[in-house]
C-alpha cells in the first residue's frame, strides 16, 4: 500500500516549536516533491509549504513565512516541517503529500499531489 505517515504533532504552548516528519511507505519519497497542508474541521485545507524532490526549491504560505522551514533528508527518506513561534491559529491537523512533479510546488495550493498521509494533530495552546 502506497501511503505517507506523518509524526510529531502534539500540544504545544504559544511561542513554542515543533518538528513534524513525513515518511513514505511502499514507494521511494526521493523522487517526489512533498507538500505540507493543514486543515481545521469545517474549513478549507491550506497549503503550508512545499519542497522539490532534490530540496533545491521551497515555497511557503504567507501565514507561515519566516516561522516554518521545510527540509528533507533523502538518505533517511524523510521530509520535515520545522515550526517555530507557533500561534493559536496554527492549530490544525497537518498532512504531508507527495507529487511526482516539482512544478506542484509552484502552483496555487500545491496541486497535483498523488499520495497523502492521514495527518498529525497540532494544538497550540495559549
Protein backbone atom coordinates (compact mmCIF):
# COMPACT_ATOMS: atom_id res chain seq x y z
CA UNK A 1 0.00 0.00 0.00
CA UNK A 2 1.38 3.38 -1.02
CA UNK A 3 0.95 5.99 1.66
CA UNK A 4 2.63 8.66 3.73
CA UNK A 5 2.90 8.73 7.51
CA UNK A 6 3.21 11.94 9.50
CA UNK A 7 4.51 12.18 13.04
CA UNK A 8 5.45 14.81 15.61
CA UNK A 9 2.18 16.58 16.22
CA UNK A 10 1.22 17.35 19.81
CA UNK A 11 0.04 20.05 22.21
CA UNK A 12 2.45 22.98 22.48
CA UNK A 13 2.29 26.41 24.07
CA UNK A 14 2.18 29.67 22.17
CA UNK A 15 5.65 30.63 21.00
CA UNK A 16 6.87 27.06 21.13
CA UNK A 17 8.32 24.87 18.41
CA UNK A 18 7.55 21.51 16.82
CA UNK A 19 9.11 19.44 14.11
CA UNK A 20 6.85 17.27 12.01
CA UNK A 21 8.20 14.36 10.00
CA UNK A 22 6.84 12.67 6.89
CA UNK A 23 7.84 9.19 5.74
CA UNK A 24 6.70 7.11 2.79
CA UNK A 25 5.51 3.51 2.86
CA UNK A 26 5.58 1.46 -0.31
CA UNK A 27 7.44 3.92 -2.54
CA UNK A 28 10.61 5.98 -2.66
CA UNK A 29 9.99 9.52 -1.47
CA UNK A 30 13.25 10.73 -3.06
CA UNK A 31 11.58 11.12 -6.45
CA UNK A 32 8.68 13.21 -5.25
CA UNK A 33 8.05 16.79 -4.31
CA UNK A 34 6.42 16.93 -0.89
CA UNK A 35 3.86 19.38 0.35
CA UNK A 36 2.63 20.11 3.85
CA UNK A 37 -1.00 21.03 4.33
CA UNK A 38 -3.20 21.80 7.29
CA UNK A 39 -6.90 21.72 7.91
CA UNK A 40 -9.22 22.78 10.67
CA UNK A 41 -12.54 20.92 10.79
CA UNK A 42 -15.13 22.84 8.79
CA UNK A 43 -12.54 24.93 6.96
CA UNK A 44 -10.77 24.56 3.64
CA UNK A 45 -7.45 22.77 3.54
CA UNK A 46 -4.49 25.15 3.29
CA UNK A 47 -1.17 24.52 1.60
CA UNK A 48 1.53 25.39 4.13
CA UNK A 49 4.80 24.58 2.44
CA UNK A 50 6.32 22.55 -0.38
CA UNK A 51 9.77 21.24 -1.24
CA UNK A 52 11.11 19.90 -4.54
CA UNK A 53 12.41 16.35 -4.79
CA UNK A 54 16.04 17.46 -4.55
CA UNK A 55 15.29 20.09 -1.94
CA UNK A 56 16.51 22.96 -4.12
CA UNK A 57 13.18 24.76 -4.22
CA UNK A 58 10.83 25.57 -1.37
CA UNK A 59 7.63 27.52 -1.10
CA UNK A 60 5.61 28.80 1.86
CA UNK A 61 2.20 30.22 2.58
CA UNK A 62 2.36 33.86 3.64
CA UNK A 63 0.90 32.91 7.01
CA UNK A 64 3.97 30.83 7.93
CA UNK A 65 6.84 32.58 6.15
CA UNK A 66 9.70 33.29 8.49
CA UNK A 67 8.37 30.84 11.10
CA UNK A 68 8.21 27.46 9.34
CA UNK A 69 11.01 25.70 7.48
CA UNK A 70 10.60 22.67 5.22
CA UNK A 71 13.56 20.37 4.61
CA UNK A 72 14.30 16.85 3.55
CA UNK A 73 16.87 14.15 4.13
CA UNK A 74 16.89 11.90 1.10
CA UNK A 75 19.29 9.50 2.78
CA UNK A 76 16.85 8.93 5.62
CA UNK A 77 13.95 9.38 3.19
CA UNK A 78 12.22 11.86 5.45
CA UNK A 79 10.72 15.30 4.96
CA UNK A 80 10.45 17.70 7.88
CA UNK A 81 8.44 20.75 8.76
CA UNK A 82 10.10 22.80 11.49
CA UNK A 83 7.55 25.08 13.06
CA UNK A 84 8.72 27.93 15.30
CA UNK A 85 6.96 30.80 17.04
CA UNK A 86 3.72 28.85 16.98
CA UNK A 87 0.44 30.72 17.29
CA UNK A 88 -3.05 29.54 18.24
CA UNK A 89 -4.11 29.96 14.61
CA UNK A 90 -1.58 27.27 13.66
CA UNK A 91 -3.76 24.70 15.41
CA UNK A 92 -4.87 22.14 12.81
CA UNK A 93 -4.39 18.65 11.50
CA UNK A 94 -1.21 18.63 9.43
CA UNK A 95 -0.83 16.41 6.40
CA UNK A 96 2.03 15.66 4.06
CA UNK A 97 1.52 14.70 0.45
CA UNK A 98 3.76 13.67 -2.43
CA UNK A 99 3.65 14.84 -6.03
CA UNK A 100 5.55 13.28 -8.96
CA UNK A 101 6.44 16.67 -10.42
CA UNK A 102 8.31 19.54 -8.79
CA UNK A 103 6.07 22.03 -10.54
CA UNK A 104 3.39 21.21 -7.98
CA UNK A 105 5.35 23.32 -5.52
CA UNK A 106 4.94 26.33 -7.82
CA UNK A 107 1.17 26.01 -8.20
CA UNK A 108 -1.56 27.57 -6.12
CA UNK A 109 -2.13 25.46 -3.04
CA UNK A 110 0.40 22.90 -4.35
CA UNK A 111 -1.87 20.93 -6.65
CA UNK A 112 -1.09 17.57 -8.22
CA UNK A 113 -0.42 15.59 -5.08
CA UNK A 114 -0.69 11.85 -5.69
CA UNK A 115 -0.28 10.36 -2.22
CA UNK A 116 -1.45 11.61 1.16
CA UNK A 117 -0.91 10.83 4.79
CA UNK A 118 -3.58 10.59 7.44
CA UNK A 119 -2.43 13.62 9.33
CA UNK A 120 -1.00 14.51 12.71
CA UNK A 121 -2.72 16.95 15.10
CA UNK A 122 -1.04 20.13 16.24
CA UNK A 123 -2.63 22.14 19.03
CA UNK A 124 -1.17 25.48 20.09
CA UNK A 125 -2.42 26.49 23.49
CA UNK A 126 -2.41 29.96 24.95
